[in-house]
């Protein structure tokens, strides 16, 4: 799936979290973030998405790997 906007990242993360059977609290604890941070992220809040280190840690917890290949359209 291509993530062009904060909402896309939010949907991917939320869907994967539920697929893994994890609660927001469990994921937030694994990240060292508050549950509210994850709520904000999953709602597409630009403030949460702007924390790249936290987003990369979230991808790691959810066992997701970003594909940063070039799109030469």
PDB file of N, CA and C in Angstrom:
ATOM      1  N   UNK A   1       0.841  -1.176   0.000  1.00  0.00           N
ATOM      2  CA  UNK A   1       0.000   0.000   0.000  1.00  0.00           C
ATOM      3  C   UNK A   1       0.887   1.240   0.000  1.00  0.00           C
ATOM      4  N   UNK A   2       0.488   2.223  -0.739  1.00  0.00           N
ATOM      5  CA  UNK A   2       1.233   3.474  -0.805  1.00  0.00           C
ATOM      6  C   UNK A   2       0.664   4.438   0.223  1.00  0.00           C
ATOM      7  N   UNK A   3       1.558   5.059   0.973  1.00  0.00           N
ATOM      8  CA  UNK A   3       1.166   6.042   1.988  1.00  0.00           C
ATOM      9  C   UNK A   3       1.635   7.417   1.528  1.00  0.00           C
ATOM     10  N   UNK A   4       0.711   8.181   0.988  1.00  0.00           N
ATOM     11  CA  UNK A   4       1.027   9.527   0.510  1.00  0.00           C
ATOM     12  C   UNK A   4       0.738  10.599   1.555  1.00  0.00           C
ATOM     13  N   UNK A   5      -0.173  10.324   2.462  1.00  0.00           N
ATOM     14  CA  UNK A   5      -0.610  11.321   3.432  1.00  0.00           C
ATOM     15  C   UNK A   5      -0.592  10.731   4.837  1.00  0.00           C
ATOM     16  N   UNK A   6      -0.656  11.597   5.823  1.00  0.00           N
ATOM     17  CA  UNK A   6      -0.676  11.159   7.222  1.00  0.00           C
ATOM     18  C   UNK A   6      -1.809  10.174   7.462  1.00  0.00           C
ATOM     19  N   UNK A   7      -2.951  10.399   6.859  1.00  0.00           N
ATOM     20  CA  UNK A   7      -4.108   9.510   7.026  1.00  0.00           C
ATOM     21  C   UNK A   7      -3.768   8.100   6.539  1.00  0.00           C
ATOM     22  N   UNK A   8      -2.992   7.975   5.454  1.00  0.00           N
ATOM     23  CA  UNK A   8      -2.605   6.651   4.939  1.00  0.00           C
ATOM     24  C   UNK A   8      -1.752   5.901   5.955  1.00  0.00           C
ATOM     25  N   UNK A   9      -0.753   6.589   6.524  1.00  0.00           N
ATOM     26  CA  UNK A   9       0.110   5.978   7.535  1.00  0.00           C
ATOM     27  C   UNK A   9      -0.720   5.549   8.732  1.00  0.00           C
ATOM     28  N   UNK A  10      -1.666   6.403   9.118  1.00  0.00           N
ATOM     29  CA  UNK A  10      -2.533   6.110  10.260  1.00  0.00           C
ATOM     30  C   UNK A  10      -3.353   4.853  10.023  1.00  0.00           C
ATOM     31  N   UNK A  11      -3.949   4.748   8.845  1.00  0.00           N
ATOM     32  CA  UNK A  11      -4.773   3.580   8.522  1.00  0.00           C
ATOM     33  C   UNK A  11      -3.954   2.294   8.488  1.00  0.00           C
ATOM     34  N   UNK A  12      -2.774   2.363   7.898  1.00  0.00           N
ATOM     35  CA  UNK A  12      -1.905   1.184   7.826  1.00  0.00           C
ATOM     36  C   UNK A  12      -1.528   0.722   9.233  1.00  0.00           C
ATOM     37  N   UNK A  13      -1.122   1.654  10.067  1.00  0.00           N
ATOM     38  CA  UNK A  13      -0.702   1.310  11.432  1.00  0.00           C
ATOM     39  C   UNK A  13      -1.869   0.744  12.240  1.00  0.00           C
ATOM     40  N   UNK A  14      -3.016   1.384  12.164  1.00  0.00           N
ATOM     41  CA  UNK A  14      -4.178   0.910  12.932  1.00  0.00           C
ATOM     42  C   UNK A  14      -4.604  -0.473  12.471  1.00  0.00           C
ATOM     43  N   UNK A  15      -4.672  -0.668  11.158  1.00  0.00           N
ATOM     44  CA  UNK A  15      -5.065  -1.976  10.625  1.00  0.00           C
ATOM     45  C   UNK A  15      -4.090  -3.066  11.054  1.00  0.00           C
ATOM     46  N   UNK A  16      -2.803  -2.772  11.006  1.00  0.00           N
ATOM     47  CA  UNK A  16      -1.799  -3.760  11.392  1.00  0.00           C
ATOM     48  C   UNK A  16      -1.861  -4.048  12.888  1.00  0.00           C
ATOM     49  N   UNK A  17      -2.061  -3.001  13.693  1.00  0.00           N
ATOM     50  CA  UNK A  17      -2.159  -3.191  15.141  1.00  0.00           C
ATOM     51  C   UNK A  17      -3.314  -4.131  15.468  1.00  0.00           C
ATOM     52  N   UNK A  18      -4.454  -3.906  14.845  1.00  0.00           N
ATOM     53  CA  UNK A  18      -5.608  -4.765  15.124  1.00  0.00           C
ATOM     54  C   UNK A  18      -5.395  -6.170  14.568  1.00  0.00           C
ATOM     55  N   UNK A  19      -4.720  -6.264  13.432  1.00  0.00           N
ATOM     56  CA  UNK A  19      -4.391  -7.579  12.850  1.00  0.00           C
ATOM     57  C   UNK A  19      -3.523  -8.397  13.808  1.00  0.00           C
ATOM     58  N   UNK A  20      -2.610  -7.711  14.495  1.00  0.00           N
ATOM     59  CA  UNK A  20      -1.730  -8.373  15.453  1.00  0.00           C
ATOM     60  C   UNK A  20      -2.411  -8.593  16.811  1.00  0.00           C
ATOM     61  N   UNK A  21      -3.617  -8.059  16.969  1.00  0.00           N
ATOM     62  CA  UNK A  21      -4.347  -8.230  18.217  1.00  0.00           C
ATOM     63  C   UNK A  21      -3.804  -7.397  19.361  1.00  0.00           C
ATOM     64  N   UNK A  22      -3.184  -6.284  19.039  1.00  0.00           N
ATOM     65  CA  UNK A  22      -2.591  -5.419  20.054  1.00  0.00           C
ATOM     66  C   UNK A  22      -3.511  -4.248  20.372  1.00  0.00           C
ATOM     67  N   UNK A  23      -3.525  -3.845  21.628  1.00  0.00           N
ATOM     68  CA  UNK A  23      -4.281  -2.662  22.019  1.00  0.00           C
ATOM     69  C   UNK A  23      -3.420  -1.425  21.804  1.00  0.00           C
ATOM     70  N   UNK A  24      -4.070  -0.276  21.807  1.00  0.00           N
ATOM     71  CA  UNK A  24      -3.313   0.972  21.714  1.00  0.00           C
ATOM     72  C   UNK A  24      -2.367   1.103  22.897  1.00  0.00           C
ATOM     73  N   UNK A  25      -2.816   0.707  24.063  1.00  0.00           N
ATOM     74  CA  UNK A  25      -1.972   0.802  25.261  1.00  0.00           C
ATOM     75  C   UNK A  25      -0.732  -0.075  25.135  1.00  0.00           C
ATOM     76  N   UNK A  26      -0.886  -1.276  24.600  1.00  0.00           N
ATOM     77  CA  UNK A  26       0.260  -2.180  24.442  1.00  0.00           C
ATOM     78  C   UNK A  26       1.285  -1.611  23.473  1.00  0.00           C
ATOM     79  N   UNK A  27       0.822  -1.082  22.372  1.00  0.00           N
ATOM     80  CA  UNK A  27       1.737  -0.514  21.379  1.00  0.00           C
ATOM     81  C   UNK A  27       2.406   0.739  21.939  1.00  0.00           C
ATOM     82  N   UNK A  28       1.633   1.593  22.594  1.00  0.00           N
ATOM     83  CA  UNK A  28       2.198   2.809  23.179  1.00  0.00           C
ATOM     84  C   UNK A  28       3.266   2.467  24.211  1.00  0.00           C
ATOM     85  N   UNK A  29       3.007   1.458  25.041  1.00  0.00           N
ATOM     86  CA  UNK A  29       4.005   1.031  26.034  1.00  0.00           C
ATOM     87  C   UNK A  29       5.281   0.549  25.352  1.00  0.00           C
ATOM     88  N   UNK A  30       5.140  -0.221  24.281  1.00  0.00           N
ATOM     89  CA  UNK A  30       6.307  -0.729  23.552  1.00  0.00           C
ATOM     90  C   UNK A  30       7.114   0.405  22.928  1.00  0.00           C
ATOM     91  N   UNK A  31       6.439   1.490  22.592  1.00  0.00           N
ATOM     92  CA  UNK A  31       7.105   2.652  21.989  1.00  0.00           C
ATOM     93  C   UNK A  31       7.685   3.604  23.026  1.00  0.00           C
ATOM     94  N   UNK A  32       7.210   3.491  24.259  1.00  0.00           N
ATOM     95  CA  UNK A  32       7.595   4.475  25.265  1.00  0.00           C
ATOM     96  C   UNK A  32       6.862   5.787  25.060  1.00  0.00           C
ATOM     97  N   UNK A  33       5.696   5.711  24.431  1.00  0.00           N
ATOM     98  CA  UNK A  33       4.850   6.881  24.167  1.00  0.00           C
ATOM     99  C   UNK A  33       3.557   6.724  24.944  1.00  0.00           C
ATOM    100  N   UNK A  34       2.824   7.806  25.047  1.00  0.00           N
ATOM    101  CA  UNK A  34       1.518   7.740  25.701  1.00  0.00           C
ATOM    102  C   UNK A  34       0.493   7.126  24.744  1.00  0.00           C
ATOM    103  N   UNK A  35      -0.558   6.572  25.316  1.00  0.00           N
ATOM    104  CA  UNK A  35      -1.643   6.050  24.492  1.00  0.00           C
ATOM    105  C   UNK A  35      -2.240   7.194  23.657  1.00  0.00           C
ATOM    106  N   UNK A  36      -2.281   8.401  24.240  1.00  0.00           N
ATOM    107  CA  UNK A  36      -2.816   9.552  23.507  1.00  0.00           C
ATOM    108  C   UNK A  36      -1.994   9.857  22.257  1.00  0.00           C
ATOM    109  N   UNK A  37      -0.677   9.653  22.325  1.00  0.00           N
ATOM    110  CA  UNK A  37       0.152   9.861  21.132  1.00  0.00           C
ATOM    111  C   UNK A  37      -0.310   8.915  20.027  1.00  0.00           C
ATOM    112  N   UNK A  38      -0.553   7.650  20.383  1.00  0.00           N
ATOM    113  CA  UNK A  38      -0.992   6.681  19.386  1.00  0.00           C
ATOM    114  C   UNK A  38      -2.387   7.007  18.869  1.00  0.00           C
ATOM    115  N   UNK A  39      -3.268   7.450  19.748  1.00  0.00           N
ATOM    116  CA  UNK A  39      -4.602   7.890  19.313  1.00  0.00           C
ATOM    117  C   UNK A  39      -4.451   9.008  18.282  1.00  0.00           C
ATOM    118  N   UNK A  40      -3.589   9.976  18.575  1.00  0.00           N
ATOM    119  CA  UNK A  40      -3.361  11.086  17.639  1.00  0.00           C
ATOM    120  C   UNK A  40      -2.787  10.577  16.322  1.00  0.00           C
ATOM    121  N   UNK A  41      -1.830   9.657  16.409  1.00  0.00           N
ATOM    122  CA  UNK A  41      -1.232   9.113  15.191  1.00  0.00           C
ATOM    123  C   UNK A  41      -2.288   8.403  14.347  1.00  0.00           C
ATOM    124  N   UNK A  42      -3.069   7.550  14.990  1.00  0.00           N
ATOM    125  CA  UNK A  42      -4.068   6.766  14.256  1.00  0.00           C
ATOM    126  C   UNK A  42      -5.206   7.629  13.710  1.00  0.00           C
ATOM    127  N   UNK A  43      -5.322   8.845  14.199  1.00  0.00           N
ATOM    128  CA  UNK A  43      -6.334   9.746  13.652  1.00  0.00           C
ATOM    129  C   UNK A  43      -5.744  10.644  12.559  1.00  0.00           C
ATOM    130  N   UNK A  44      -4.453  10.462  12.283  1.00  0.00           N
ATOM    131  CA  UNK A  44      -3.814  11.224  11.212  1.00  0.00           C
ATOM    132  C   UNK A  44      -3.298  12.576  11.638  1.00  0.00           C
ATOM    133  N   UNK A  45      -3.145  12.795  12.934  1.00  0.00           N
ATOM    134  CA  UNK A  45      -2.648  14.076  13.427  1.00  0.00           C
ATOM    135  C   UNK A  45      -1.245  14.346  12.899  1.00  0.00           C
ATOM    136  N   UNK A  46      -1.063  15.488  12.285  1.00  0.00           N
ATOM    137  CA  UNK A  46       0.251  15.817  11.725  1.00  0.00           C
ATOM    138  C   UNK A  46       1.306  15.970  12.810  1.00  0.00           C
ATOM    139  N   UNK A  47       0.910  16.342  14.023  1.00  0.00           N
ATOM    140  CA  UNK A  47       1.883  16.487  15.110  1.00  0.00           C
ATOM    141  C   UNK A  47       2.499  15.148  15.463  1.00  0.00           C
ATOM    142  N   UNK A  48       1.697  14.095  15.501  1.00  0.00           N
ATOM    143  CA  UNK A  48       2.223  12.764  15.814  1.00  0.00           C
ATOM    144  C   UNK A  48       3.037  12.221  14.657  1.00  0.00           C
ATOM    145  N   UNK A  49       2.575  12.435  13.446  1.00  0.00           N
ATOM    146  CA  UNK A  49       3.278  11.921  12.272  1.00  0.00           C
ATOM    147  C   UNK A  49       4.623  12.618  12.096  1.00  0.00           C
ATOM    148  N   UNK A  50       4.720  13.865  12.525  1.00  0.00           N
ATOM    149  CA  UNK A  50       5.949  14.638  12.338  1.00  0.00           C
ATOM    150  C   UNK A  50       7.120  14.094  13.151  1.00  0.00           C
ATOM    151  N   UNK A  51       6.864  13.248  14.121  1.00  0.00           N
ATOM    152  CA  UNK A  51       7.932  12.676  14.939  1.00  0.00           C
ATOM    153  C   UNK A  51       8.455  11.422  14.243  1.00  0.00           C
ATOM    154  N   UNK A  52       9.345  11.611  13.292  1.00  0.00           N
ATOM    155  CA  UNK A  52       9.826  10.520  12.454  1.00  0.00           C
ATOM    156  C   UNK A  52      10.428   9.385  13.263  1.00  0.00           C
ATOM    157  N   UNK A  53      11.193   9.684  14.294  1.00  0.00           N
ATOM    158  CA  UNK A  53      11.786   8.616  15.093  1.00  0.00           C
ATOM    159  C   UNK A  53      10.707   7.746  15.732  1.00  0.00           C
ATOM    160  N   UNK A  54       9.636   8.360  16.189  1.00  0.00           N
ATOM    161  CA  UNK A  54       8.537   7.600  16.790  1.00  0.00           C
ATOM    162  C   UNK A  54       7.795   6.789  15.741  1.00  0.00           C
ATOM    163  N   UNK A  55       7.616   7.351  14.557  1.00  0.00           N
ATOM    164  CA  UNK A  55       6.933   6.621  13.477  1.00  0.00           C
ATOM    165  C   UNK A  55       7.755   5.405  13.070  1.00  0.00           C
ATOM    166  N   UNK A  56       9.059   5.568  12.951  1.00  0.00           N
ATOM    167  CA  UNK A  56       9.912   4.431  12.593  1.00  0.00           C
ATOM    168  C   UNK A  56       9.893   3.365  13.684  1.00  0.00           C
ATOM    169  N   UNK A  57       9.875   3.782  14.942  1.00  0.00           N
ATOM    170  CA  UNK A  57       9.774   2.823  16.043  1.00  0.00           C
ATOM    171  C   UNK A  57       8.428   2.103  15.992  1.00  0.00           C
ATOM    172  N   UNK A  58       7.368   2.821  15.653  1.00  0.00           N
ATOM    173  CA  UNK A  58       6.043   2.216  15.534  1.00  0.00           C
ATOM    174  C   UNK A  58       6.043   1.157  14.434  1.00  0.00           C
ATOM    175  N   UNK A  59       6.641   1.462  13.298  1.00  0.00           N
ATOM    176  CA  UNK A  59       6.724   0.482  12.213  1.00  0.00           C
ATOM    177  C   UNK A  59       7.449  -0.772  12.687  1.00  0.00           C
ATOM    178  N   UNK A  60       8.493  -0.585  13.485  1.00  0.00           N
ATOM    179  CA  UNK A  60       9.245  -1.719  14.009  1.00  0.00           C
ATOM    180  C   UNK A  60       8.376  -2.573  14.940  1.00  0.00           C
ATOM    181  N   UNK A  61       7.661  -1.932  15.849  1.00  0.00           N
ATOM    182  CA  UNK A  61       6.784  -2.661  16.777  1.00  0.00           C
ATOM    183  C   UNK A  61       5.717  -3.443  16.008  1.00  0.00           C
ATOM    184  N   UNK A  62       5.201  -2.843  14.937  1.00  0.00           N
ATOM    185  CA  UNK A  62       4.142  -3.479  14.146  1.00  0.00           C
ATOM    186  C   UNK A  62       4.692  -4.418  13.063  1.00  0.00           C
ATOM    187  N   UNK A  63       6.015  -4.586  13.056  1.00  0.00           N
ATOM    188  CA  UNK A  63       6.676  -5.469  12.089  1.00  0.00           C
ATOM    189  C   UNK A  63       6.351  -5.081  10.644  1.00  0.00           C
ATOM    190  N   UNK A  64       6.435  -3.772  10.391  1.00  0.00           N
ATOM    191  CA  UNK A  64       6.227  -3.226   9.051  1.00  0.00           C
ATOM    192  C   UNK A  64       7.531  -2.609   8.562  1.00  0.00           C
ATOM    193  N   UNK A  65       7.766  -2.678   7.277  1.00  0.00           N
ATOM    194  CA  UNK A  65       8.960  -2.113   6.693  1.00  0.00           C
ATOM    195  C   UNK A  65       8.568  -1.118   5.595  1.00  0.00           C
ATOM    196  N   UNK A  66       9.028   0.133   5.694  1.00  0.00           N
ATOM    197  CA  UNK A  66       8.706   1.100   4.642  1.00  0.00           C
ATOM    198  C   UNK A  66       9.515   0.804   3.384  1.00  0.00           C
ATOM    199  N   UNK A  67       8.906   1.013   2.261  1.00  0.00           N
ATOM    200  CA  UNK A  67       9.599   0.891   0.980  1.00  0.00           C
ATOM    201  C   UNK A  67       9.851   2.303   0.478  1.00  0.00           C
ATOM    202  N   UNK A  68      11.101   2.685   0.449  1.00  0.00           N
ATOM    203  CA  UNK A  68      11.450   4.055   0.078  1.00  0.00           C
ATOM    204  C   UNK A  68      11.984   4.150  -1.340  1.00  0.00           C
ATOM    205  N   UNK A  69      11.566   3.212  -2.188  1.00  0.00           N
ATOM    206  CA  UNK A  69      12.036   3.223  -3.571  1.00  0.00           C
ATOM    207  C   UNK A  69      11.479   4.423  -4.322  1.00  0.00           C
ATOM    208  N   UNK A  70      12.194   4.816  -5.343  1.00  0.00           N
ATOM    209  CA  UNK A  70      11.824   5.975  -6.153  1.00  0.00           C
ATOM    210  C   UNK A  70      10.595   5.661  -7.005  1.00  0.00           C
ATOM    211  N   UNK A  71       9.747   6.669  -7.153  1.00  0.00           N
ATOM    212  CA  UNK A  71       8.563   6.550  -8.005  1.00  0.00           C
ATOM    213  C   UNK A  71       8.767   7.477  -9.188  1.00  0.00           C
ATOM    214  N   UNK A  72       9.203   6.922 -10.297  1.00  0.00           N
ATOM    215  CA  UNK A  72       9.519   7.727 -11.489  1.00  0.00           C
ATOM    216  C   UNK A  72       8.332   7.785 -12.447  1.00  0.00           C
ATOM    217  N   UNK A  73       7.269   8.393 -11.996  1.00  0.00           N
ATOM    218  CA  UNK A  73       6.070   8.472 -12.851  1.00  0.00           C
ATOM    219  C   UNK A  73       6.237   9.480 -13.937  1.00  0.00           C
TER     220      UNK A  73
END
